[in-house]
Amino acid sequence: MPASLAAVKRRLESTRNTRQITSAMQMVSTAKLNQIQGHIKTYEDYAARVKSVLASLVKSHNATLKNGVSDDKDHLGTLFTKRPVKKTGILVVTSDRGLVGSYNSNVIKATLDRMKKEGLTKENTVFLTVGRTGTEFFKKRGMNVVFESTGISDVPTYREVHGIVRGAVKMYADGIYDQLYLAYSHYVNRIVSHDRVELALPISAESLAMHEDHASKGPIGAEYDLEPDLSELISKLVPQFAESLIYGAILDAKTSEHASSANAMSSASDNADEIISTLQLQYNRARQAAITTEITEITGGMTAQE
């Protein structure tokens, strides 16, 4: 076999093997995506219920204060309190591995863009990183990474990440930073994801997203006797709501990661198909040329003998 023909054959076999790997990885990522989508539906139902209850309680709390009824507990707690911003925290969610297309680079770019917009620097910003890619990126650039986590499972449960979630809320309450942004990729559908950098703490009325259907029902306190009292109940629900925001961002980011991986592997498989088609054509032509050369040599030898 001529050297050129053998080289084309080796490339063809190598590309076919790569095609099998990318196809298998695409199927695995798609299976993970289907699995986490069922999980995130349960979370969304829970988060919506917590948000609804807390929004109604806060509305009732404010109405009570307007009526002149208050006590030592008539505050919404530390997580609602805006304070002078001396230090900003950014929780960045990326993947532990590559082969996810532009997923990681887009999240990091969105984070850097927000830092530039808000005038944030390495001196007045601390990072909490979930995922090896983000951790390595910010550490190499001398950023202050005060918390890092890797090895999050493909379908993370709250029990698995509760240390991250509660730690982020506690650091805000302890004054490690005065506001917390969540930087992650929001899953829209299997093709589209949007990069988000959202202010999670302190909690605002906008983040609660109070709906008109709750506002029209009037204060909860007017309809029910609450035990414990309204302020104490709010103080228990506020951290729970803040934690649900952070957990939701991690879950959303993982969903987007699986979709990005599936899309990247699909593109890689399509590119491999194109290369295989081109190499197969080259191989066929080279083989035909080799056969033609052999026939010509045989014919020439027979003619010489005659």
C-alpha atoms as a PDB file:
ATOM      1  CA  MET A   1       0.000   0.000   0.000  1.00  0.00           C
ATOM      2  CA  PRO A   2       1.459   3.407  -0.989  1.00  0.00           C
ATOM      3  CA  ALA A   3       2.471   5.697   1.880  1.00  0.00           C
ATOM      4  CA  SER A   4      -0.120   8.357   0.965  1.00  0.00           C
ATOM      5  CA  LEU A   5      -2.894   5.769   0.851  1.00  0.00           C
ATOM      6  CA  ALA A   6      -1.884   4.336   4.244  1.00  0.00           C
ATOM      7  CA  ALA A   7      -1.818   7.840   5.800  1.00  0.00           C
ATOM      8  CA  VAL A   8      -5.328   8.605   4.561  1.00  0.00           C
ATOM      9  CA  LYS A   9      -6.547   5.248   5.886  1.00  0.00           C
ATOM     10  CA  ARG A  10      -5.070   5.949   9.343  1.00  0.00           C
ATOM     11  CA  ARG A  11      -6.711   9.386   9.500  1.00  0.00           C
ATOM     12  CA  LEU A  12     -10.002   7.870   8.386  1.00  0.00           C
ATOM     13  CA  GLU A  13      -9.920   5.227  11.123  1.00  0.00           C
ATOM     14  CA  SER A  14      -8.878   7.776  13.758  1.00  0.00           C
ATOM     15  CA  THR A  15     -11.708  10.135  12.803  1.00  0.00           C
ATOM     16  CA  ARG A  16     -14.236   7.303  12.894  1.00  0.00           C
ATOM     17  CA  ASN A  17     -13.090   6.406  16.411  1.00  0.00           C
ATOM     18  CA  THR A  18     -13.424  10.042  17.465  1.00  0.00           C
ATOM     19  CA  ARG A  19     -16.897  10.123  15.932  1.00  0.00           C
ATOM     20  CA  GLN A  20     -17.936   7.145  18.060  1.00  0.00           C
ATOM     21  CA  ILE A  21     -16.658   8.871  21.222  1.00  0.00           C
ATOM     22  CA  THR A  22     -18.388  12.207  20.550  1.00  0.00           C
ATOM     23  CA  SER A  23     -21.615  10.421  19.654  1.00  0.00           C
ATOM     24  CA  ALA A  24     -21.524   8.462  22.925  1.00  0.00           C
ATOM     25  CA  MET A  25     -20.777  11.639  24.922  1.00  0.00           C
ATOM     26  CA  GLN A  26     -23.673  13.387  23.242  1.00  0.00           C
ATOM     27  CA  MET A  27     -26.044  10.613  24.290  1.00  0.00           C
ATOM     28  CA  VAL A  28     -24.722  10.706  27.874  1.00  0.00           C
ATOM     29  CA  SER A  29     -25.143  14.503  28.112  1.00  0.00           C
ATOM     30  CA  THR A  30     -28.653  14.269  26.681  1.00  0.00           C
ATOM     31  CA  ALA A  31     -29.570  11.620  29.257  1.00  0.00           C
ATOM     32  CA  LYS A  32     -28.214  13.837  32.063  1.00  0.00           C
ATOM     33  CA  LEU A  33     -30.160  16.796  30.690  1.00  0.00           C
ATOM     34  CA  ASN A  34     -33.400  14.811  30.667  1.00  0.00           C
ATOM     35  CA  GLN A  35     -32.749  13.660  34.235  1.00  0.00           C
ATOM     36  CA  ILE A  36     -32.017  17.104  35.677  1.00  0.00           C
ATOM     37  CA  GLN A  37     -35.003  18.682  33.928  1.00  0.00           C
ATOM     38  CA  GLY A  38     -37.320  16.501  36.002  1.00  0.00           C
ATOM     39  CA  HIS A  39     -35.404  17.466  39.129  1.00  0.00           C
ATOM     40  CA  ILE A  40     -35.513  21.193  38.422  1.00  0.00           C
ATOM     41  CA  LYS A  41     -39.287  21.080  37.952  1.00  0.00           C
ATOM     42  CA  THR A  42     -39.668  19.926  41.562  1.00  0.00           C
ATOM     43  CA  TYR A  43     -37.325  22.695  42.737  1.00  0.00           C
ATOM     44  CA  GLU A  44     -39.245  25.374  40.816  1.00  0.00           C
ATOM     45  CA  ASP A  45     -42.492  24.335  42.484  1.00  0.00           C
ATOM     46  CA  TYR A  46     -40.852  24.576  45.915  1.00  0.00           C
ATOM     47  CA  ALA A  47     -39.138  27.923  45.177  1.00  0.00           C
ATOM     48  CA  ALA A  48     -42.365  29.428  43.839  1.00  0.00           C
ATOM     49  CA  ARG A  49     -44.213  28.409  47.013  1.00  0.00           C
ATOM     50  CA  VAL A  50     -41.540  29.886  49.302  1.00  0.00           C
ATOM     51  CA  LYS A  51     -41.491  33.104  47.280  1.00  0.00           C
ATOM     52  CA  SER A  52     -45.291  33.334  47.342  1.00  0.00           C
ATOM     53  CA  VAL A  53     -45.552  32.833  51.097  1.00  0.00           C
ATOM     54  CA  LEU A  54     -42.703  35.229  51.889  1.00  0.00           C
ATOM     55  CA  ALA A  55     -44.058  37.909  49.558  1.00  0.00           C
ATOM     56  CA  SER A  56     -47.435  37.741  51.287  1.00  0.00           C
ATOM     57  CA  LEU A  57     -45.865  37.831  54.739  1.00  0.00           C
ATOM     58  CA  VAL A  58     -43.705  40.845  53.852  1.00  0.00           C
ATOM     59  CA  LYS A  59     -46.742  42.650  52.473  1.00  0.00           C
ATOM     60  CA  SER A  60     -48.627  41.919  55.679  1.00  0.00           C
ATOM     61  CA  HIS A  61     -45.625  43.047  57.741  1.00  0.00           C
ATOM     62  CA  ASN A  62     -45.445  46.364  55.901  1.00  0.00           C
ATOM     63  CA  ALA A  63     -49.185  46.879  56.241  1.00  0.00           C
ATOM     64  CA  THR A  64     -48.913  46.288  59.989  1.00  0.00           C
ATOM     65  CA  LEU A  65     -46.189  48.915  60.288  1.00  0.00           C
ATOM     66  CA  LYS A  66     -48.251  51.428  58.341  1.00  0.00           C
ATOM     67  CA  ASN A  67     -51.095  50.903  60.812  1.00  0.00           C
ATOM     68  CA  GLY A  68     -48.745  51.920  63.605  1.00  0.00           C
ATOM     69  CA  VAL A  69     -48.462  48.472  65.137  1.00  0.00           C
ATOM     70  CA  SER A  70     -44.869  47.450  65.760  1.00  0.00           C
ATOM     71  CA  ASP A  71     -42.599  45.862  68.335  1.00  0.00           C
ATOM     72  CA  ASP A  72     -38.936  45.053  68.816  1.00  0.00           C
ATOM     73  CA  LYS A  73     -39.069  42.527  65.956  1.00  0.00           C
ATOM     74  CA  ASP A  74     -40.613  44.728  63.275  1.00  0.00           C
ATOM     75  CA  HIS A  75     -37.659  44.347  60.895  1.00  0.00           C
ATOM     76  CA  LEU A  76     -37.074  42.036  57.947  1.00  0.00           C
ATOM     77  CA  GLY A  77     -33.669  40.869  59.086  1.00  0.00           C
ATOM     78  CA  THR A  78     -30.094  41.215  57.924  1.00  0.00           C
ATOM     79  CA  LEU A  79     -30.685  39.776  54.458  1.00  0.00           C
ATOM     80  CA  PHE A  80     -33.122  42.568  53.605  1.00  0.00           C
ATOM     81  CA  THR A  81     -30.961  45.358  55.003  1.00  0.00           C
ATOM     82  CA  LYS A  82     -29.001  47.415  52.493  1.00  0.00           C
ATOM     83  CA  ARG A  83     -25.692  48.658  53.827  1.00  0.00           C
ATOM     84  CA  PRO A  84     -22.765  50.641  52.412  1.00  0.00           C
ATOM     85  CA  VAL A  85     -20.957  48.421  49.920  1.00  0.00           C
ATOM     86  CA  LYS A  86     -17.316  48.081  50.859  1.00  0.00           C
ATOM     87  CA  LYS A  87     -16.860  44.547  49.562  1.00  0.00           C
ATOM     88  CA  THR A  88     -18.766  42.655  46.862  1.00  0.00           C
ATOM     89  CA  GLY A  89     -19.095  38.894  46.620  1.00  0.00           C
ATOM     90  CA  ILE A  90     -19.613  37.055  43.320  1.00  0.00           C
ATOM     91  CA  LEU A  91     -20.606  33.398  43.264  1.00  0.00           C
ATOM     92  CA  VAL A  92     -19.541  32.038  39.857  1.00  0.00           C
ATOM     93  CA  VAL A  93     -20.822  28.674  38.617  1.00  0.00           C
ATOM     94  CA  THR A  94     -18.769  26.945  35.910  1.00  0.00           C
ATOM     95  CA  SER A  95     -18.033  23.335  34.992  1.00  0.00           C
ATOM     96  CA  ASP A  96     -15.269  21.058  36.280  1.00  0.00           C
ATOM     97  CA  ARG A  97     -14.328  19.897  32.786  1.00  0.00           C
ATOM     98  CA  GLY A  98     -14.117  21.043  29.194  1.00  0.00           C
ATOM     99  CA  LEU A  99     -15.974  19.785  26.126  1.00  0.00           C
ATOM    100  CA  VAL A 100     -18.918  22.093  26.902  1.00  0.00           C
ATOM    101  CA  GLY A 101     -18.530  24.549  24.045  1.00  0.00           C
ATOM    102  CA  SER A 102     -18.495  28.232  25.055  1.00  0.00           C
ATOM    103  CA  TYR A 103     -20.350  27.570  28.321  1.00  0.00           C
ATOM    104  CA  ASN A 104     -17.488  28.474  30.684  1.00  0.00           C
ATOM    105  CA  SER A 105     -16.026  31.329  28.662  1.00  0.00           C
ATOM    106  CA  ASN A 106     -19.423  33.027  28.346  1.00  0.00           C
ATOM    107  CA  VAL A 107     -20.073  32.920  32.105  1.00  0.00           C
ATOM    108  CA  ILE A 108     -16.598  34.273  32.889  1.00  0.00           C
ATOM    109  CA  LYS A 109     -16.956  37.022  30.268  1.00  0.00           C
ATOM    110  CA  ALA A 110     -20.332  38.049  31.694  1.00  0.00           C
ATOM    111  CA  THR A 111     -18.759  38.203  35.172  1.00  0.00           C
ATOM    112  CA  LEU A 112     -15.870  40.386  34.002  1.00  0.00           C
ATOM    113  CA  ASP A 113     -18.275  42.660  32.096  1.00  0.00           C
ATOM    114  CA  ARG A 114     -20.375  43.181  35.236  1.00  0.00           C
ATOM    115  CA  MET A 115     -17.241  43.899  37.279  1.00  0.00           C
ATOM    116  CA  LYS A 116     -16.211  46.546  34.774  1.00  0.00           C
ATOM    117  CA  LYS A 117     -19.685  48.055  34.754  1.00  0.00           C
ATOM    118  CA  GLU A 118     -19.897  48.213  38.561  1.00  0.00           C
ATOM    119  CA  GLY A 119     -16.302  49.355  39.025  1.00  0.00           C
ATOM    120  CA  LEU A 120     -15.319  46.167  40.855  1.00  0.00           C
ATOM    121  CA  THR A 121     -11.654  45.218  41.240  1.00  0.00           C
ATOM    122  CA  LYS A 122      -9.629  42.497  42.931  1.00  0.00           C
ATOM    123  CA  GLU A 123      -9.300  44.802  45.939  1.00  0.00           C
ATOM    124  CA  ASN A 124     -13.029  45.233  46.594  1.00  0.00           C
ATOM    125  CA  THR A 125     -14.322  41.869  45.316  1.00  0.00           C
ATOM    126  CA  VAL A 126     -14.253  38.331  46.671  1.00  0.00           C
ATOM    127  CA  PHE A 127     -15.185  35.227  44.724  1.00  0.00           C
ATOM    128  CA  LEU A 128     -17.042  32.066  45.602  1.00  0.00           C
ATOM    129  CA  THR A 129     -16.447  29.567  42.825  1.00  0.00           C
ATOM    130  CA  VAL A 130     -18.365  26.417  41.992  1.00  0.00           C
ATOM    131  CA  GLY A 131     -16.524  24.444  39.324  1.00  0.00           C
ATOM    132  CA  ARG A 132     -12.837  23.929  38.576  1.00  0.00           C
ATOM    133  CA  THR A 133     -12.754  26.136  35.475  1.00  0.00           C
ATOM    134  CA  GLY A 134     -13.848  29.301  37.279  1.00  0.00           C
ATOM    135  CA  THR A 135     -11.651  28.539  40.286  1.00  0.00           C
ATOM    136  CA  GLU A 136      -8.502  28.207  38.179  1.00  0.00           C
ATOM    137  CA  PHE A 137      -9.340  31.250  36.050  1.00  0.00           C
ATOM    138  CA  PHE A 138      -9.776  33.691  38.929  1.00  0.00           C
ATOM    139  CA  LYS A 139      -6.930  32.295  41.028  1.00  0.00           C
ATOM    140  CA  LYS A 140      -4.469  32.643  38.146  1.00  0.00           C
ATOM    141  CA  ARG A 141      -5.426  36.304  37.879  1.00  0.00           C
ATOM    142  CA  GLY A 142      -4.818  36.979  41.537  1.00  0.00           C
ATOM    143  CA  MET A 143      -8.469  37.311  42.537  1.00  0.00           C
ATOM    144  CA  ASN A 144      -9.502  36.711  46.141  1.00  0.00           C
ATOM    145  CA  VAL A 145     -11.281  33.340  46.098  1.00  0.00           C
ATOM    146  CA  VAL A 146     -12.688  32.930  49.618  1.00  0.00           C
ATOM    147  CA  PHE A 147     -14.632  29.749  48.860  1.00  0.00           C
ATOM    148  CA  GLU A 148     -14.300  27.072  46.203  1.00  0.00           C
ATOM    149  CA  SER A 149     -16.120  23.851  45.429  1.00  0.00           C
ATOM    150  CA  THR A 150     -15.528  21.199  42.801  1.00  0.00           C
ATOM    151  CA  GLY A 151     -16.920  17.781  42.034  1.00  0.00           C
ATOM    152  CA  ILE A 152     -20.599  18.748  42.101  1.00  0.00           C
ATOM    153  CA  SER A 153     -22.641  15.834  40.752  1.00  0.00           C
ATOM    154  CA  ASP A 154     -24.494  15.968  37.450  1.00  0.00           C
ATOM    155  CA  VAL A 155     -27.857  16.278  39.211  1.00  0.00           C
ATOM    156  CA  PRO A 156     -27.024  18.081  42.487  1.00  0.00           C
ATOM    157  CA  THR A 157     -29.416  17.732  45.402  1.00  0.00           C
ATOM    158  CA  TYR A 158     -29.851  20.399  48.059  1.00  0.00           C
ATOM    159  CA  ARG A 159     -28.266  18.090  50.622  1.00  0.00           C
ATOM    160  CA  GLU A 160     -25.137  17.924  48.451  1.00  0.00           C
ATOM    161  CA  VAL A 161     -24.708  21.695  48.041  1.00  0.00           C
ATOM    162  CA  HIS A 162     -26.202  22.945  51.310  1.00  0.00           C
ATOM    163  CA  GLY A 163     -22.694  23.781  52.556  1.00  0.00           C
ATOM    164  CA  ILE A 164     -22.164  26.114  49.592  1.00  0.00           C
ATOM    165  CA  VAL A 165     -25.615  27.651  49.857  1.00  0.00           C
ATOM    166  CA  ARG A 166     -25.633  28.251  53.602  1.00  0.00           C
ATOM    167  CA  GLY A 167     -21.999  29.320  53.590  1.00  0.00           C
ATOM    168  CA  ALA A 168     -22.707  32.032  51.009  1.00  0.00           C
ATOM    169  CA  VAL A 169     -25.638  33.383  53.053  1.00  0.00           C
ATOM    170  CA  LYS A 170     -23.669  33.232  56.302  1.00  0.00           C
ATOM    171  CA  MET A 171     -20.719  35.136  54.827  1.00  0.00           C
ATOM    172  CA  TYR A 172     -23.096  37.926  53.842  1.00  0.00           C
ATOM    173  CA  ALA A 173     -24.682  37.963  57.297  1.00  0.00           C
ATOM    174  CA  ASP A 174     -21.210  38.015  58.878  1.00  0.00           C
ATOM    175  CA  GLY A 175     -20.155  41.010  56.777  1.00  0.00           C
ATOM    176  CA  ILE A 176     -17.560  39.241  54.610  1.00  0.00           C
ATOM    177  CA  TYR A 177     -19.226  41.078  51.731  1.00  0.00           C
ATOM    178  CA  ASP A 178     -22.029  43.627  51.563  1.00  0.00           C
ATOM    179  CA  GLN A 179     -23.742  42.349  48.437  1.00  0.00           C
ATOM    180  CA  LEU A 180     -23.700  39.056  46.558  1.00  0.00           C
ATOM    181  CA  TYR A 181     -24.013  38.491  42.817  1.00  0.00           C
ATOM    182  CA  LEU A 182     -24.783  35.132  41.211  1.00  0.00           C
ATOM    183  CA  ALA A 183     -22.994  34.542  37.885  1.00  0.00           C
ATOM    184  CA  TYR A 184     -24.231  31.517  35.957  1.00  0.00           C
ATOM    185  CA  SER A 185     -25.700  30.280  32.693  1.00  0.00           C
ATOM    186  CA  HIS A 186     -29.507  30.231  32.618  1.00  0.00           C
ATOM    187  CA  TYR A 187     -31.057  27.336  30.699  1.00  0.00           C
ATOM    188  CA  VAL A 188     -33.750  28.423  28.227  1.00  0.00           C
ATOM    189  CA  ASN A 189     -33.990  25.374  25.994  1.00  0.00           C
ATOM    190  CA  ARG A 190     -31.706  22.738  24.483  1.00  0.00           C
ATOM    191  CA  ILE A 191     -30.263  25.259  22.045  1.00  0.00           C
ATOM    192  CA  VAL A 192     -30.360  28.574  23.924  1.00  0.00           C
ATOM    193  CA  SER A 193     -28.829  29.631  27.255  1.00  0.00           C
ATOM    194  CA  HIS A 194     -28.493  33.149  28.669  1.00  0.00           C
ATOM    195  CA  ASP A 195     -25.594  34.251  30.845  1.00  0.00           C
ATOM    196  CA  ARG A 196     -26.762  36.003  34.003  1.00  0.00           C
ATOM    197  CA  VAL A 197     -25.064  38.057  36.718  1.00  0.00           C
ATOM    198  CA  GLU A 198     -27.831  38.834  39.215  1.00  0.00           C
ATOM    199  CA  LEU A 199     -27.873  40.547  42.597  1.00  0.00           C
ATOM    200  CA  ALA A 200     -29.056  37.952  45.121  1.00  0.00           C
ATOM    201  CA  LEU A 201     -28.274  39.696  48.427  1.00  0.00           C
ATOM    202  CA  PRO A 202     -29.566  41.868  49.928  1.00  0.00           C
ATOM    203  CA  ILE A 203     -33.050  40.653  49.044  1.00  0.00           C
ATOM    204  CA  SER A 204     -35.285  43.265  47.460  1.00  0.00           C
ATOM    205  CA  ALA A 205     -38.971  43.513  46.625  1.00  0.00           C
ATOM    206  CA  GLU A 206     -37.986  42.973  42.974  1.00  0.00           C
ATOM    207  CA  SER A 207     -36.331  39.633  43.719  1.00  0.00           C
ATOM    208  CA  LEU A 208     -39.429  38.540  45.597  1.00  0.00           C
ATOM    209  CA  ALA A 209     -41.454  39.449  42.512  1.00  0.00           C
ATOM    210  CA  MET A 210     -44.657  40.103  44.360  1.00  0.00           C
ATOM    211  CA  HIS A 211     -47.609  39.316  42.104  1.00  0.00           C
ATOM    212  CA  GLU A 212     -50.913  41.066  41.928  1.00  0.00           C
ATOM    213  CA  ASP A 213     -52.809  37.909  42.844  1.00  0.00           C
ATOM    214  CA  HIS A 214     -51.111  37.913  46.254  1.00  0.00           C
ATOM    215  CA  ALA A 215     -51.544  41.648  46.714  1.00  0.00           C
ATOM    216  CA  SER A 216     -55.275  41.442  46.081  1.00  0.00           C
ATOM    217  CA  LYS A 217     -55.828  38.931  48.882  1.00  0.00           C
ATOM    218  CA  GLY A 218     -54.813  41.340  51.624  1.00  0.00           C
ATOM    219  CA  PRO A 219     -52.469  40.798  54.544  1.00  0.00           C
ATOM    220  CA  ILE A 220     -52.031  37.286  55.833  1.00  0.00           C
ATOM    221  CA  GLY A 221     -52.187  38.561  59.369  1.00  0.00           C
ATOM    222  CA  ALA A 222     -55.766  39.672  58.835  1.00  0.00           C
ATOM    223  CA  GLU A 223     -56.852  36.153  57.866  1.00  0.00           C
ATOM    224  CA  TYR A 224     -54.814  33.884  60.115  1.00  0.00           C
ATOM    225  CA  ASP A 225     -53.341  33.764  63.581  1.00  0.00           C
ATOM    226  CA  LEU A 226     -49.645  33.150  63.108  1.00  0.00           C
ATOM    227  CA  GLU A 227     -47.492  31.160  65.496  1.00  0.00           C
ATOM    228  CA  PRO A 228     -44.773  32.268  66.004  1.00  0.00           C
ATOM    229  CA  ASP A 229     -45.481  35.942  65.336  1.00  0.00           C
ATOM    230  CA  LEU A 230     -45.199  37.519  61.899  1.00  0.00           C
ATOM    231  CA  SER A 231     -41.716  39.029  62.294  1.00  0.00           C
ATOM    232  CA  GLU A 232     -40.211  35.803  63.608  1.00  0.00           C
ATOM    233  CA  LEU A 233     -41.827  33.786  60.835  1.00  0.00           C
ATOM    234  CA  ILE A 234     -40.347  36.162  58.246  1.00  0.00           C
ATOM    235  CA  SER A 235     -36.914  35.905  59.864  1.00  0.00           C
ATOM    236  CA  LYS A 236     -37.063  32.122  59.369  1.00  0.00           C
ATOM    237  CA  LEU A 237     -38.298  32.271  55.785  1.00  0.00           C
ATOM    238  CA  VAL A 238     -35.897  34.955  54.521  1.00  0.00           C
ATOM    239  CA  PRO A 239     -32.739  32.781  54.783  1.00  0.00           C
ATOM    240  CA  GLN A 240     -34.667  29.878  53.271  1.00  0.00           C
ATOM    241  CA  PHE A 241     -35.615  32.062  50.303  1.00  0.00           C
ATOM    242  CA  ALA A 242     -32.026  33.332  49.893  1.00  0.00           C
ATOM    243  CA  GLU A 243     -30.718  29.764  49.963  1.00  0.00           C
ATOM    244  CA  SER A 244     -33.284  28.706  47.374  1.00  0.00           C
ATOM    245  CA  LEU A 245     -32.017  31.460  45.030  1.00  0.00           C
ATOM    246  CA  ILE A 246     -28.436  30.197  45.248  1.00  0.00           C
ATOM    247  CA  TYR A 247     -29.378  26.531  44.942  1.00  0.00           C
ATOM    248  CA  GLY A 248     -31.605  27.386  41.989  1.00  0.00           C
ATOM    249  CA  ALA A 249     -28.698  29.122  40.231  1.00  0.00           C
ATOM    250  CA  ILE A 250     -26.476  26.056  40.687  1.00  0.00           C
ATOM    251  CA  LEU A 251     -29.214  23.741  39.432  1.00  0.00           C
ATOM    252  CA  ASP A 252     -29.962  26.023  36.479  1.00  0.00           C
ATOM    253  CA  ALA A 253     -26.271  26.226  35.603  1.00  0.00           C
ATOM    254  CA  LYS A 254     -25.905  22.437  35.655  1.00  0.00           C
ATOM    255  CA  THR A 255     -28.873  22.116  33.303  1.00  0.00           C
ATOM    256  CA  SER A 256     -27.287  24.604  30.921  1.00  0.00           C
ATOM    257  CA  GLU A 257     -23.962  22.763  31.193  1.00  0.00           C
ATOM    258  CA  HIS A 258     -25.510  19.466  30.075  1.00  0.00           C
ATOM    259  CA  ALA A 259     -27.261  21.181  27.176  1.00  0.00           C
ATOM    260  CA  SER A 260     -24.010  22.900  26.125  1.00  0.00           C
ATOM    261  CA  SER A 261     -22.140  19.602  26.324  1.00  0.00           C
ATOM    262  CA  ALA A 262     -24.755  17.820  24.222  1.00  0.00           C
ATOM    263  CA  ASN A 263     -24.655  20.611  21.615  1.00  0.00           C
ATOM    264  CA  ALA A 264     -20.845  20.668  21.546  1.00  0.00           C
ATOM    265  CA  MET A 265     -20.661  16.902  21.051  1.00  0.00           C
ATOM    266  CA  SER A 266     -23.355  17.078  18.380  1.00  0.00           C
ATOM    267  CA  SER A 267     -21.327  19.702  16.503  1.00  0.00           C
ATOM    268  CA  ALA A 268     -18.168  17.627  16.926  1.00  0.00           C
ATOM    269  CA  SER A 269     -19.952  14.567  15.529  1.00  0.00           C
ATOM    270  CA  ASP A 270     -21.223  16.556  12.543  1.00  0.00           C
ATOM    271  CA  ASN A 271     -17.729  17.886  11.876  1.00  0.00           C
ATOM    272  CA  ALA A 272     -16.349  14.354  12.123  1.00  0.00           C
ATOM    273  CA  ASP A 273     -18.933  13.172   9.570  1.00  0.00           C
ATOM    274  CA  GLU A 274     -17.775  15.871   7.148  1.00  0.00           C
ATOM    275  CA  ILE A 275     -14.118  14.937   7.639  1.00  0.00           C
ATOM    276  CA  ILE A 276     -14.916  11.234   7.201  1.00  0.00           C
ATOM    277  CA  SER A 277     -16.758  11.987   3.960  1.00  0.00           C
ATOM    278  CA  THR A 278     -13.804  14.016   2.642  1.00  0.00           C
ATOM    279  CA  LEU A 279     -11.225  11.416   3.713  1.00  0.00           C
ATOM    280  CA  GLN A 280     -13.279   8.583   2.260  1.00  0.00           C
ATOM    281  CA  LEU A 281     -13.338  10.385  -1.085  1.00  0.00           C
ATOM    282  CA  GLN A 282      -9.567  10.944  -0.872  1.00  0.00           C
ATOM    283  CA  TYR A 283      -9.020   7.306   0.027  1.00  0.00           C
ATOM    284  CA  ASN A 284     -11.182   6.064  -2.840  1.00  0.00           C
ATOM    285  CA  ARG A 285      -9.358   8.280  -5.331  1.00  0.00           C
ATOM    286  CA  ALA A 286      -5.947   7.269  -4.009  1.00  0.00           C
ATOM    287  CA  ARG A 287      -6.907   3.604  -4.098  1.00  0.00           C
ATOM    288  CA  GLN A 288      -8.239   3.926  -7.634  1.00  0.00           C
ATOM    289  CA  ALA A 289      -5.041   5.654  -8.699  1.00  0.00           C
ATOM    290  CA  ALA A 290      -2.969   2.889  -7.086  1.00  0.00           C
ATOM    291  CA  ILE A 291      -4.995   0.198  -8.863  1.00  0.00           C
ATOM    292  CA  THR A 292      -4.688   2.029 -12.178  1.00  0.00           C
ATOM    293  CA  THR A 293      -0.926   2.297 -11.676  1.00  0.00           C
ATOM    294  CA  GLU A 294      -0.658  -1.430 -10.926  1.00  0.00           C
ATOM    295  CA  ILE A 295      -2.706  -2.355 -14.032  1.00  0.00           C
ATOM    296  CA  THR A 296      -0.561  -0.083 -16.170  1.00  0.00           C
ATOM    297  CA  GLU A 297       2.624  -1.662 -14.814  1.00  0.00           C
ATOM    298  CA  ILE A 298       1.309  -5.206 -15.431  1.00  0.00           C
ATOM    299  CA  THR A 299       0.206  -4.306 -18.944  1.00  0.00           C
ATOM    300  CA  GLY A 300       3.567  -2.701 -19.659  1.00  0.00           C
ATOM    301  CA  GLY A 301       5.403  -5.792 -18.385  1.00  0.00           C
ATOM    302  CA  MET A 302       3.358  -8.119 -20.555  1.00  0.00           C
ATOM    303  CA  THR A 303       3.981  -5.938 -23.594  1.00  0.00           C
ATOM    304  CA  ALA A 304       7.719  -5.966 -22.939  1.00  0.00           C
ATOM    305  CA  GLN A 305       7.794  -9.761 -22.778  1.00  0.00           C
ATOM    306  CA  GLU A 306       6.034 -10.061 -26.128  1.00  0.00           C
END
